[in-house]
Amino acid sequence: MAENSDIEKRLRADLTTSMKAKDALRTATLRMLLSAIGAEKVAGKEARELTDDDVLRVLAKESKKRGESAEIYTQNGRGELAATERAEAQIIDEYLPTPLTDAELADVADTAIAQVAEELGERPGMRQMGQVMRAATAIAAGKADGSRLSAAVRARL
């Protein structure tokens, strides 16, 4: 097997540290993340090593799940469960790149539109949304979730 990603190595080192510090929440959260990364490695037809980008995608997905769960718990009056989900999300977010601001997202959308316009030889419209989103996703590199990115691109097209 090839070498683990740098982020995965950091997660494993931090897990050891949190176990020694008897930090139950951090230990449980890091174990869950490493488990999700392990599951991603064996998903599909054959096992593969994950790049840092793949690992960031897994972490972003896990963070998003925590946020959605916290909202549902809050709506159902389960504040203590919501607080746990939010605490886990905060721990996960420490490993994710800083999300882009709305202004930075607009720049990403403009850059993506310019790239696609160069390829097509004309300004793209809504029919080229897919091409623009592919370019924008590559530029944003995991620093913005798809819904925010899509909204920014749609606003610019």
Protein backbone atom coordinates (compact mmCIF):
# COMPACT_ATOMS: atom_id res chain seq x y z
CA MET A 1 0.00 0.00 0.00
CA ALA A 2 1.11 3.52 -0.74
CA GLU A 3 1.73 6.24 1.85
CA ASN A 4 -1.23 7.73 3.76
CA SER A 5 -2.16 11.36 3.09
CA ASP A 6 -0.66 14.07 5.30
CA ILE A 7 -4.07 14.91 6.75
CA GLU A 8 -4.68 11.26 7.66
CA LYS A 9 -1.27 11.11 9.39
CA ARG A 10 -2.17 14.26 11.34
CA LEU A 11 -5.53 12.75 12.35
CA ARG A 12 -3.79 9.59 13.63
CA ALA A 13 -1.20 11.61 15.60
CA ASP A 14 -3.94 13.80 17.08
CA LEU A 15 -5.94 10.68 18.01
CA THR A 16 -3.00 9.37 20.03
CA THR A 17 -2.64 12.76 21.74
CA SER A 18 -6.35 13.00 22.58
CA MET A 19 -6.36 9.44 23.97
CA LYS A 20 -3.45 10.30 26.26
CA ALA A 21 -5.26 13.49 27.33
CA LYS A 22 -8.45 11.45 27.97
CA ASP A 23 -10.43 13.85 25.75
CA ALA A 24 -13.42 11.57 25.07
CA LEU A 25 -15.25 13.76 22.53
CA ARG A 26 -12.14 14.48 20.43
CA THR A 27 -11.06 10.81 20.59
CA ALA A 28 -14.49 9.57 19.47
CA THR A 29 -14.69 12.17 16.68
CA LEU A 30 -11.21 11.40 15.34
CA ARG A 31 -11.93 7.66 15.43
CA MET A 32 -15.13 8.26 13.49
CA LEU A 33 -13.24 10.35 10.89
CA LEU A 34 -10.53 7.70 10.47
CA SER A 35 -13.27 5.10 10.09
CA ALA A 36 -15.00 7.21 7.40
CA ILE A 37 -11.65 7.61 5.60
CA GLY A 38 -11.09 3.84 5.81
CA ALA A 39 -14.56 3.20 4.39
CA GLU A 40 -13.84 5.61 1.52
CA LYS A 41 -10.60 3.74 0.75
CA VAL A 42 -12.44 0.47 0.18
CA ALA A 43 -15.52 1.97 -1.51
CA GLY A 44 -15.84 1.06 -5.16
CA LYS A 45 -14.45 -1.90 -7.04
CA GLU A 46 -10.98 -1.95 -5.50
CA ALA A 47 -9.20 -0.50 -2.48
CA ARG A 48 -7.16 2.63 -3.15
CA GLU A 49 -5.11 5.19 -1.29
CA LEU A 50 -6.68 8.61 -0.82
CA THR A 51 -5.05 11.91 -1.71
CA ASP A 52 -5.31 14.89 0.64
CA ASP A 53 -8.13 16.21 -1.59
CA ASP A 54 -10.05 12.92 -1.21
CA VAL A 55 -9.58 13.06 2.58
CA LEU A 56 -10.78 16.70 2.66
CA ARG A 57 -13.89 15.67 0.72
CA VAL A 58 -14.63 12.95 3.32
CA LEU A 59 -14.09 15.45 6.18
CA ALA A 60 -16.31 18.07 4.53
CA LYS A 61 -19.06 15.47 4.09
CA GLU A 62 -18.80 14.41 7.75
CA SER A 63 -18.86 18.05 8.92
CA LYS A 64 -21.95 18.74 6.81
CA LYS A 65 -23.67 15.65 8.30
CA ARG A 66 -22.99 16.97 11.82
CA GLY A 67 -24.47 20.38 10.95
CA GLU A 68 -27.61 18.82 9.46
CA SER A 69 -28.05 16.49 12.46
CA ALA A 70 -27.63 19.40 14.88
CA GLU A 71 -30.39 21.34 13.07
CA ILE A 72 -32.77 18.36 13.24
CA TYR A 73 -32.03 17.80 16.94
CA THR A 74 -32.59 21.50 17.66
CA GLN A 75 -35.95 21.46 15.82
CA ASN A 76 -37.00 18.45 17.89
CA GLY A 77 -35.99 20.05 21.21
CA ARG A 78 -32.96 17.81 21.76
CA GLY A 79 -30.47 20.52 22.68
CA GLU A 80 -27.89 18.25 24.33
CA LEU A 81 -27.62 16.05 21.20
CA ALA A 82 -27.44 19.14 18.98
CA ALA A 83 -24.60 20.51 21.15
CA THR A 84 -22.64 17.25 20.77
CA GLU A 85 -23.09 17.30 16.97
CA ARG A 86 -21.91 20.94 16.84
CA ALA A 87 -18.89 20.13 19.00
CA GLU A 88 -17.96 17.26 16.67
CA ALA A 89 -18.39 19.54 13.64
CA GLN A 90 -16.05 22.11 15.24
CA ILE A 91 -13.38 19.43 15.72
CA ILE A 92 -13.76 18.27 12.10
CA ASP A 93 -13.63 21.87 10.84
CA GLU A 94 -10.16 22.29 12.41
CA TYR A 95 -8.85 19.96 9.70
CA LEU A 96 -10.67 21.64 6.80
CA PRO A 97 -9.34 24.65 4.87
CA THR A 98 -10.89 27.99 5.82
CA PRO A 99 -14.13 28.35 3.83
CA LEU A 100 -14.24 31.05 1.17
CA THR A 101 -16.05 34.31 1.89
CA ASP A 102 -18.92 35.37 -0.38
CA ALA A 103 -16.61 37.85 -2.14
CA GLU A 104 -14.02 35.10 -2.75
CA LEU A 105 -16.78 32.83 -4.04
CA ALA A 106 -17.85 35.51 -6.51
CA ASP A 107 -14.22 35.75 -7.72
CA VAL A 108 -14.10 31.96 -8.15
CA ALA A 109 -17.34 32.07 -10.19
CA ASP A 110 -16.01 34.93 -12.37
CA THR A 111 -12.71 33.10 -12.97
CA ALA A 112 -14.52 29.88 -13.89
CA ILE A 113 -16.84 31.75 -16.29
CA ALA A 114 -13.81 33.43 -17.89
CA GLN A 115 -12.08 30.04 -18.34
CA VAL A 116 -15.15 28.49 -19.97
CA ALA A 117 -15.66 31.60 -22.13
CA GLU A 118 -12.08 31.20 -23.38
CA GLU A 119 -12.72 27.52 -24.26
CA LEU A 120 -16.04 28.24 -26.00
CA GLY A 121 -15.05 31.52 -27.63
CA GLU A 122 -18.19 33.16 -26.17
CA ARG A 123 -19.66 34.00 -22.77
CA PRO A 124 -21.29 30.88 -21.28
CA GLY A 125 -24.98 30.90 -20.37
CA MET A 126 -27.10 28.70 -18.13
CA ARG A 127 -26.76 25.86 -20.68
CA GLN A 128 -23.03 25.70 -19.86
CA MET A 129 -23.63 25.68 -16.08
CA GLY A 130 -22.09 22.18 -15.81
CA GLN A 131 -18.85 23.24 -17.51
CA VAL A 132 -18.63 26.37 -15.36
CA MET A 133 -19.33 24.36 -12.17
CA ARG A 134 -16.53 21.88 -13.05
CA ALA A 135 -14.09 24.77 -13.46
CA ALA A 136 -15.34 26.51 -10.30
CA THR A 137 -15.13 23.30 -8.24
CA ALA A 138 -11.52 22.83 -9.34
CA ILE A 139 -10.65 26.43 -8.43
CA ALA A 140 -12.43 26.33 -5.03
CA ALA A 141 -10.56 23.10 -4.12
CA GLY A 142 -12.80 22.04 -1.24
CA LYS A 143 -13.02 25.47 0.36
CA ALA A 144 -16.73 25.90 -0.43
CA ASP A 145 -19.61 23.46 -0.47
CA GLY A 146 -21.40 22.75 -3.74
CA SER A 147 -24.60 24.60 -2.90
CA ARG A 148 -22.81 27.90 -2.13
CA LEU A 149 -20.63 27.49 -5.23
CA SER A 150 -23.63 26.72 -7.43
CA ALA A 151 -25.54 29.74 -6.10
CA ALA A 152 -22.56 32.02 -6.82
CA VAL A 153 -22.16 30.67 -10.38
CA ARG A 154 -25.91 30.87 -11.06
CA ALA A 155 -25.94 34.50 -9.87
CA ARG A 156 -23.12 35.34 -12.29
CA LEU A 157 -24.40 33.52 -15.41
